C-alpha cells in the first residue's frame, strides 16, 4: 500500500515511476494555474527551457498533468536550456509568470534519490517550500 497522495500516485501511474522532475512539473504547473488563473486546458501556454534528455525532461509530464497544457494541443513547448525554467502565459489576460528552478534543491533531491530511491527524491521536491524550489521572475 502506497503512502503517496492521490496526485502523486496518479502522476506515477501516468509516467511509469515517480522521480524528482515529475514532482517538479506537478508543482510548477500547479503554481502557474493558481497564480495566472487561466481557463482550464486551453487558456494558458507553457514554455519550458531545460535539458532535452531525461531525467530533467520528465518535468514535462508533471506539467501536462497539473497545468492542462499538452504537446498535442500545442500549448506546451520545450527549448534547450541549462536548467529548468518555465514560463506560463494566460492567453486571455496576457499575464505571464516565469519560474526559475533552484538547482541546489534539485541536486539535493538527486542525492536523496541515489541513496534512498526515486520516490524519496521526489518527496524532497514535493514537500519543499516554493522559495526552496523556484524563484518567480
N, C-alpha and C. Protein backbone atom coordinates (compact mmCIF):
# COMPACT_ATOMS: atom_id res chain seq x y z
N UNK A 1 0.83 -1.18 0.00
CA UNK A 1 0.00 0.00 0.00
C UNK A 1 0.88 1.24 0.00
N UNK A 2 0.62 2.15 -0.90
CA UNK A 2 1.41 3.36 -1.05
C UNK A 2 0.94 4.45 -0.09
N UNK A 3 1.89 5.22 0.42
CA UNK A 3 1.57 6.37 1.27
C UNK A 3 1.57 7.67 0.48
N UNK A 4 1.59 7.58 -0.84
CA UNK A 4 1.62 8.76 -1.69
C UNK A 4 0.25 9.42 -1.75
N UNK A 5 0.26 10.73 -1.94
CA UNK A 5 -1.00 11.45 -2.14
C UNK A 5 -1.63 10.97 -3.44
N UNK A 6 -2.95 11.13 -3.59
CA UNK A 6 -3.59 10.73 -4.84
C UNK A 6 -2.98 11.41 -6.07
N UNK A 7 -2.58 12.67 -5.94
CA UNK A 7 -1.98 13.39 -7.07
C UNK A 7 -0.65 12.76 -7.48
N UNK A 8 0.18 12.42 -6.51
CA UNK A 8 1.46 11.77 -6.82
C UNK A 8 1.25 10.36 -7.36
N UNK A 9 0.32 9.63 -6.80
CA UNK A 9 0.04 8.27 -7.27
C UNK A 9 -0.45 8.29 -8.71
N UNK A 10 -1.33 9.24 -9.04
CA UNK A 10 -1.84 9.38 -10.40
C UNK A 10 -0.71 9.72 -11.37
N UNK A 11 0.17 10.64 -10.97
CA UNK A 11 1.31 11.02 -11.81
C UNK A 11 2.24 9.83 -12.02
N UNK A 12 2.46 9.06 -10.97
CA UNK A 12 3.32 7.87 -11.06
C UNK A 12 2.73 6.87 -12.06
N UNK A 13 1.44 6.65 -12.00
CA UNK A 13 0.78 5.73 -12.93
C UNK A 13 0.90 6.23 -14.37
N UNK A 14 0.73 7.51 -14.58
CA UNK A 14 0.82 8.10 -15.92
C UNK A 14 2.23 7.99 -16.49
N UNK A 15 3.22 8.36 -15.68
CA UNK A 15 4.60 8.49 -16.13
C UNK A 15 5.37 7.16 -16.09
N UNK A 16 4.98 6.27 -15.19
CA UNK A 16 5.67 4.98 -15.07
C UNK A 16 6.49 4.84 -13.81
N UNK A 17 6.89 5.94 -13.22
CA UNK A 17 7.57 5.94 -11.92
C UNK A 17 7.50 7.37 -11.40
N UNK A 18 7.90 7.56 -10.16
CA UNK A 18 7.84 8.88 -9.54
C UNK A 18 9.24 9.33 -9.19
N UNK A 19 9.72 10.37 -9.87
CA UNK A 19 11.03 10.92 -9.59
C UNK A 19 10.93 12.42 -9.34
N UNK A 20 12.05 13.05 -8.99
CA UNK A 20 12.04 14.47 -8.64
C UNK A 20 11.52 15.40 -9.74
N UNK A 21 11.86 15.13 -10.99
CA UNK A 21 11.44 16.05 -12.04
C UNK A 21 9.96 15.93 -12.38
N UNK A 22 9.38 14.76 -12.20
CA UNK A 22 7.94 14.63 -12.36
C UNK A 22 7.24 15.44 -11.27
N UNK A 23 7.72 15.31 -10.03
CA UNK A 23 7.15 16.09 -8.93
C UNK A 23 7.35 17.58 -9.16
N UNK A 24 8.50 17.96 -9.70
CA UNK A 24 8.75 19.37 -10.02
C UNK A 24 7.74 19.89 -11.02
N UNK A 25 7.47 19.14 -12.07
CA UNK A 25 6.49 19.57 -13.06
C UNK A 25 5.11 19.75 -12.46
N UNK A 26 4.73 18.85 -11.55
CA UNK A 26 3.44 18.99 -10.87
C UNK A 26 3.39 20.29 -10.08
N UNK A 27 4.44 20.57 -9.34
CA UNK A 27 4.49 21.78 -8.51
C UNK A 27 4.49 23.04 -9.37
N UNK A 28 5.28 23.05 -10.44
CA UNK A 28 5.36 24.24 -11.29
C UNK A 28 4.01 24.52 -11.96
N UNK A 29 3.40 23.49 -12.52
CA UNK A 29 2.11 23.67 -13.18
C UNK A 29 1.04 24.14 -12.22
N UNK A 30 1.03 23.55 -11.04
CA UNK A 30 0.05 23.95 -10.02
C UNK A 30 0.22 25.42 -9.65
N UNK A 31 1.46 25.88 -9.54
CA UNK A 31 1.72 27.28 -9.21
C UNK A 31 1.28 28.20 -10.34
N UNK A 32 1.58 27.83 -11.58
CA UNK A 32 1.17 28.65 -12.72
C UNK A 32 -0.35 28.79 -12.78
N UNK A 33 -1.06 27.70 -12.59
CA UNK A 33 -2.53 27.73 -12.64
C UNK A 33 -3.08 28.59 -11.49
N UNK A 34 -2.53 28.42 -10.30
CA UNK A 34 -3.01 29.18 -9.14
C UNK A 34 -2.81 30.68 -9.31
N UNK A 35 -1.68 31.07 -9.88
CA UNK A 35 -1.37 32.49 -9.98
C UNK A 35 -1.91 33.16 -11.24
N UNK A 36 -1.96 32.43 -12.35
CA UNK A 36 -2.43 33.03 -13.61
C UNK A 36 -3.93 32.85 -13.82
N UNK A 37 -4.53 31.89 -13.13
CA UNK A 37 -5.97 31.64 -13.21
C UNK A 37 -6.50 31.56 -14.65
N UNK A 38 -5.92 30.69 -15.47
CA UNK A 38 -6.37 30.57 -16.86
C UNK A 38 -7.65 29.75 -16.97
N UNK A 39 -8.31 29.86 -18.11
CA UNK A 39 -9.39 28.93 -18.44
C UNK A 39 -8.79 27.53 -18.46
N UNK A 40 -9.51 26.52 -17.99
CA UNK A 40 -8.97 25.16 -17.97
C UNK A 40 -8.59 24.66 -19.37
N UNK A 41 -7.44 24.04 -19.43
CA UNK A 41 -6.94 23.28 -20.59
C UNK A 41 -6.53 24.12 -21.80
N UNK A 42 -7.23 25.18 -22.12
CA UNK A 42 -6.95 25.94 -23.34
C UNK A 42 -6.54 27.39 -23.08
N UNK A 43 -6.62 27.85 -21.84
CA UNK A 43 -6.41 29.26 -21.55
C UNK A 43 -4.99 29.65 -21.21
N UNK A 44 -4.06 28.72 -21.26
CA UNK A 44 -2.68 29.02 -20.90
C UNK A 44 -1.73 28.35 -21.88
N UNK A 45 -0.60 29.00 -22.09
CA UNK A 45 0.52 28.41 -22.82
C UNK A 45 1.69 28.29 -21.85
N UNK A 46 2.41 27.19 -21.94
CA UNK A 46 3.57 26.98 -21.08
C UNK A 46 4.78 26.67 -21.96
N UNK A 47 5.85 27.41 -21.74
CA UNK A 47 7.11 27.13 -22.44
C UNK A 47 8.16 26.74 -21.39
N UNK A 48 8.91 25.71 -21.73
CA UNK A 48 9.91 25.15 -20.83
C UNK A 48 11.27 25.27 -21.49
N UNK A 49 12.25 25.76 -20.75
CA UNK A 49 13.65 25.70 -21.16
C UNK A 49 14.34 24.75 -20.19
N UNK A 50 15.12 23.83 -20.74
CA UNK A 50 15.83 22.89 -19.88
C UNK A 50 16.54 21.85 -20.70
N UNK A 51 17.26 20.96 -20.02
CA UNK A 51 17.93 19.87 -20.72
C UNK A 51 16.92 19.03 -21.50
N UNK A 52 17.35 18.55 -22.66
CA UNK A 52 16.45 17.84 -23.57
C UNK A 52 16.30 16.35 -23.25
N UNK A 53 17.13 15.83 -22.35
CA UNK A 53 17.09 14.39 -22.04
C UNK A 53 16.54 14.17 -20.63
N UNK A 54 15.98 12.99 -20.39
CA UNK A 54 15.58 12.64 -19.03
C UNK A 54 16.82 12.55 -18.14
N UNK A 55 16.71 12.77 -16.86
CA UNK A 55 15.50 12.98 -16.10
C UNK A 55 14.93 14.39 -16.11
N UNK A 56 15.70 15.47 -16.41
CA UNK A 56 15.06 16.79 -16.37
C UNK A 56 13.85 16.92 -17.30
N UNK A 57 13.88 16.26 -18.42
CA UNK A 57 12.76 16.36 -19.37
C UNK A 57 11.46 15.80 -18.79
N UNK A 58 11.55 14.98 -17.76
CA UNK A 58 10.36 14.41 -17.11
C UNK A 58 9.47 15.49 -16.50
N UNK A 59 10.01 16.69 -16.32
CA UNK A 59 9.20 17.81 -15.83
C UNK A 59 7.99 18.03 -16.73
N UNK A 60 8.12 17.69 -18.02
CA UNK A 60 7.03 17.91 -18.98
C UNK A 60 5.79 17.11 -18.63
N UNK A 61 5.96 15.87 -18.19
CA UNK A 61 4.79 15.05 -17.85
C UNK A 61 4.06 15.62 -16.63
N UNK A 62 4.82 16.09 -15.65
CA UNK A 62 4.19 16.71 -14.49
C UNK A 62 3.45 17.99 -14.87
N UNK A 63 4.05 18.77 -15.75
CA UNK A 63 3.39 20.00 -16.22
C UNK A 63 2.10 19.69 -16.97
N UNK A 64 2.13 18.67 -17.81
CA UNK A 64 0.91 18.32 -18.55
C UNK A 64 -0.22 17.96 -17.60
N UNK A 65 0.10 17.19 -16.57
CA UNK A 65 -0.93 16.76 -15.63
C UNK A 65 -1.48 17.91 -14.79
N UNK A 66 -0.61 18.81 -14.35
CA UNK A 66 -1.04 19.85 -13.41
C UNK A 66 -1.50 21.14 -14.07
N UNK A 67 -1.11 21.37 -15.31
CA UNK A 67 -1.49 22.63 -15.98
C UNK A 67 -2.59 22.45 -17.01
N UNK A 68 -2.74 21.24 -17.52
CA UNK A 68 -3.69 21.02 -18.61
C UNK A 68 -3.12 21.37 -19.97
N UNK A 69 -1.90 21.87 -20.01
CA UNK A 69 -1.23 22.17 -21.29
C UNK A 69 -0.57 20.88 -21.79
N UNK A 70 -0.66 20.64 -23.10
CA UNK A 70 -0.09 19.42 -23.67
C UNK A 70 0.58 19.71 -25.01
N UNK A 71 1.47 18.81 -25.40
CA UNK A 71 2.07 18.91 -26.73
C UNK A 71 1.02 18.73 -27.81
N UNK A 72 0.07 17.84 -27.57
CA UNK A 72 -0.97 17.57 -28.57
C UNK A 72 -1.81 18.80 -28.90
N UNK A 73 -2.13 19.60 -27.89
CA UNK A 73 -2.91 20.82 -28.12
C UNK A 73 -2.02 21.96 -28.60
N UNK A 74 -0.73 21.79 -28.47
CA UNK A 74 0.20 22.82 -28.92
C UNK A 74 0.39 23.97 -27.95
N UNK A 75 -0.06 23.79 -26.70
CA UNK A 75 0.14 24.88 -25.74
C UNK A 75 1.20 24.54 -24.69
N UNK A 76 2.07 23.58 -25.03
CA UNK A 76 3.25 23.25 -24.23
C UNK A 76 4.42 23.10 -25.19
N UNK A 77 5.53 23.79 -24.88
CA UNK A 77 6.70 23.73 -25.76
C UNK A 77 7.96 23.55 -24.93
N UNK A 78 9.01 23.06 -25.59
CA UNK A 78 10.30 22.80 -24.95
C UNK A 78 11.42 23.35 -25.81
N UNK A 79 12.37 24.02 -25.17
CA UNK A 79 13.58 24.51 -25.82
C UNK A 79 14.78 24.14 -24.94
N UNK A 80 15.93 23.98 -25.56
CA UNK A 80 17.16 23.62 -24.85
C UNK A 80 17.55 24.72 -23.87
N UNK A 81 17.99 24.30 -22.68
CA UNK A 81 18.48 25.22 -21.66
C UNK A 81 19.34 24.48 -20.66
N UNK A 82 20.05 25.23 -19.83
CA UNK A 82 20.95 24.63 -18.84
C UNK A 82 20.22 23.96 -17.69
N UNK A 83 19.15 24.59 -17.22
CA UNK A 83 18.34 24.05 -16.13
C UNK A 83 16.89 24.42 -16.41
N UNK A 84 15.98 23.87 -15.64
CA UNK A 84 14.56 24.04 -15.92
C UNK A 84 14.08 25.44 -15.52
N UNK A 85 13.55 26.14 -16.53
CA UNK A 85 12.90 27.43 -16.35
C UNK A 85 11.58 27.35 -17.11
N UNK A 86 10.49 27.68 -16.44
CA UNK A 86 9.15 27.52 -17.02
C UNK A 86 8.45 28.87 -17.05
N UNK A 87 7.84 29.20 -18.18
CA UNK A 87 7.03 30.41 -18.31
C UNK A 87 5.62 30.03 -18.70
N UNK A 88 4.67 30.52 -17.94
CA UNK A 88 3.26 30.33 -18.27
C UNK A 88 2.67 31.67 -18.65
N UNK A 89 1.75 31.66 -19.61
CA UNK A 89 1.08 32.88 -20.04
C UNK A 89 -0.41 32.62 -20.16
N UNK A 90 -1.20 33.47 -19.52
CA UNK A 90 -2.65 33.41 -19.64
C UNK A 90 -3.01 34.00 -20.99
N UNK A 91 -3.61 33.21 -21.86
CA UNK A 91 -3.90 33.63 -23.23
C UNK A 91 -4.98 34.71 -23.29
N UNK A 92 -5.81 34.82 -22.27
CA UNK A 92 -6.88 35.82 -22.27
C UNK A 92 -6.44 37.16 -21.71
N UNK A 93 -5.64 37.14 -20.64
CA UNK A 93 -5.25 38.38 -19.98
C UNK A 93 -3.88 38.88 -20.41
N UNK A 94 -3.05 38.00 -20.97
CA UNK A 94 -1.69 38.37 -21.33
C UNK A 94 -0.72 38.30 -20.15
N UNK A 95 -1.23 38.06 -18.95
CA UNK A 95 -0.38 37.96 -17.78
C UNK A 95 0.53 36.74 -17.92
N UNK A 96 1.79 36.89 -17.51
CA UNK A 96 2.72 35.76 -17.57
C UNK A 96 3.51 35.67 -16.27
N UNK A 97 4.09 34.51 -16.06
CA UNK A 97 4.90 34.25 -14.89
C UNK A 97 5.99 33.28 -15.28
N UNK A 98 7.23 33.60 -14.89
CA UNK A 98 8.36 32.71 -15.12
C UNK A 98 8.84 32.18 -13.78
N UNK A 99 9.07 30.88 -13.73
CA UNK A 99 9.56 30.20 -12.54
C UNK A 99 10.92 29.59 -12.87
N UNK A 100 11.96 30.08 -12.19
CA UNK A 100 13.34 29.63 -12.40
C UNK A 100 13.68 28.67 -11.27
N UNK A 101 13.93 27.41 -11.59
CA UNK A 101 14.11 26.40 -10.55
C UNK A 101 15.44 26.53 -9.83
N UNK A 102 15.44 26.11 -8.58
CA UNK A 102 16.61 26.15 -7.72
C UNK A 102 17.43 24.88 -7.94
N UNK A 103 18.57 25.03 -8.59
CA UNK A 103 19.39 23.85 -8.90
C UNK A 103 19.92 23.17 -7.64
N UNK A 104 20.09 23.93 -6.56
CA UNK A 104 20.55 23.34 -5.30
C UNK A 104 19.56 22.35 -4.72
N UNK A 105 18.28 22.72 -4.72
CA UNK A 105 17.24 21.82 -4.22
C UNK A 105 17.13 20.58 -5.10
N UNK A 106 17.25 20.77 -6.41
CA UNK A 106 17.18 19.62 -7.32
C UNK A 106 18.40 18.72 -7.16
N UNK A 107 19.56 19.29 -6.87
CA UNK A 107 20.75 18.48 -6.62
C UNK A 107 20.58 17.67 -5.34
N UNK A 108 19.97 18.27 -4.32
CA UNK A 108 19.69 17.54 -3.08
C UNK A 108 18.70 16.40 -3.33
N UNK A 109 17.67 16.67 -4.14
CA UNK A 109 16.70 15.62 -4.49
C UNK A 109 17.39 14.48 -5.23
N UNK A 110 18.32 14.81 -6.12
CA UNK A 110 19.05 13.78 -6.87
C UNK A 110 19.92 12.94 -5.93
N UNK A 111 20.54 13.60 -4.95
CA UNK A 111 21.35 12.88 -3.97
C UNK A 111 20.48 11.90 -3.17
N UNK A 112 19.35 12.38 -2.69
CA UNK A 112 18.43 11.53 -1.92
C UNK A 112 17.93 10.38 -2.79
N UNK A 113 17.64 10.67 -4.05
CA UNK A 113 17.17 9.64 -4.97
C UNK A 113 18.21 8.53 -5.12
N UNK A 114 19.48 8.91 -5.28
CA UNK A 114 20.55 7.92 -5.42
C UNK A 114 20.67 7.05 -4.17
N UNK A 115 20.50 7.67 -3.00
CA UNK A 115 20.70 6.95 -1.74
C UNK A 115 19.46 6.18 -1.29
N UNK A 116 18.25 6.71 -1.58
CA UNK A 116 17.03 6.13 -1.00
C UNK A 116 15.98 5.73 -2.02
N UNK A 117 16.20 6.06 -3.30
CA UNK A 117 15.25 5.68 -4.34
C UNK A 117 14.49 6.86 -4.92
N UNK A 118 13.85 6.60 -6.06
CA UNK A 118 13.14 7.62 -6.83
C UNK A 118 12.10 8.39 -6.01
N UNK A 119 11.26 7.65 -5.30
CA UNK A 119 10.16 8.30 -4.59
C UNK A 119 10.66 9.19 -3.47
N UNK A 120 11.72 8.80 -2.79
CA UNK A 120 12.30 9.64 -1.74
C UNK A 120 12.82 10.94 -2.33
N UNK A 121 13.45 10.87 -3.49
CA UNK A 121 13.92 12.08 -4.17
C UNK A 121 12.76 12.96 -4.59
N UNK A 122 11.69 12.34 -5.07
CA UNK A 122 10.50 13.10 -5.47
C UNK A 122 9.89 13.82 -4.28
N UNK A 123 9.90 13.18 -3.13
CA UNK A 123 9.31 13.81 -1.94
C UNK A 123 10.10 15.02 -1.48
N UNK A 124 11.41 15.05 -1.72
CA UNK A 124 12.20 16.25 -1.41
C UNK A 124 11.62 17.44 -2.16
N UNK A 125 11.31 17.24 -3.43
CA UNK A 125 10.74 18.31 -4.27
C UNK A 125 9.30 18.59 -3.86
N UNK A 126 8.51 17.57 -3.68
CA UNK A 126 7.08 17.71 -3.39
C UNK A 126 6.84 18.47 -2.09
N UNK A 127 7.68 18.23 -1.09
CA UNK A 127 7.49 18.81 0.23
C UNK A 127 8.24 20.13 0.43
N UNK A 128 9.08 20.51 -0.50
CA UNK A 128 9.85 21.76 -0.38
C UNK A 128 8.91 22.97 -0.46
N UNK A 129 9.28 24.02 0.24
CA UNK A 129 8.55 25.27 0.11
C UNK A 129 8.82 25.89 -1.26
N UNK A 130 7.89 26.72 -1.72
CA UNK A 130 8.09 27.37 -3.01
C UNK A 130 9.43 28.07 -3.09
N UNK A 131 9.81 28.79 -2.04
CA UNK A 131 11.05 29.55 -2.04
C UNK A 131 12.28 28.66 -2.14
N UNK A 132 12.17 27.41 -1.74
CA UNK A 132 13.26 26.45 -1.87
C UNK A 132 13.32 25.85 -3.27
N UNK A 133 12.20 25.87 -3.96
CA UNK A 133 12.06 25.16 -5.23
C UNK A 133 12.26 26.04 -6.45
N UNK A 134 11.79 27.28 -6.39
CA UNK A 134 11.89 28.16 -7.56
C UNK A 134 11.82 29.62 -7.14
N UNK A 135 12.27 30.45 -8.07
CA UNK A 135 12.18 31.90 -7.90
C UNK A 135 11.24 32.43 -8.97
N UNK A 136 10.34 33.29 -8.58
CA UNK A 136 9.44 33.95 -9.54
C UNK A 136 10.20 35.11 -10.17
N UNK A 137 10.28 35.12 -11.50
CA UNK A 137 10.98 36.23 -12.17
C UNK A 137 10.10 36.81 -13.27
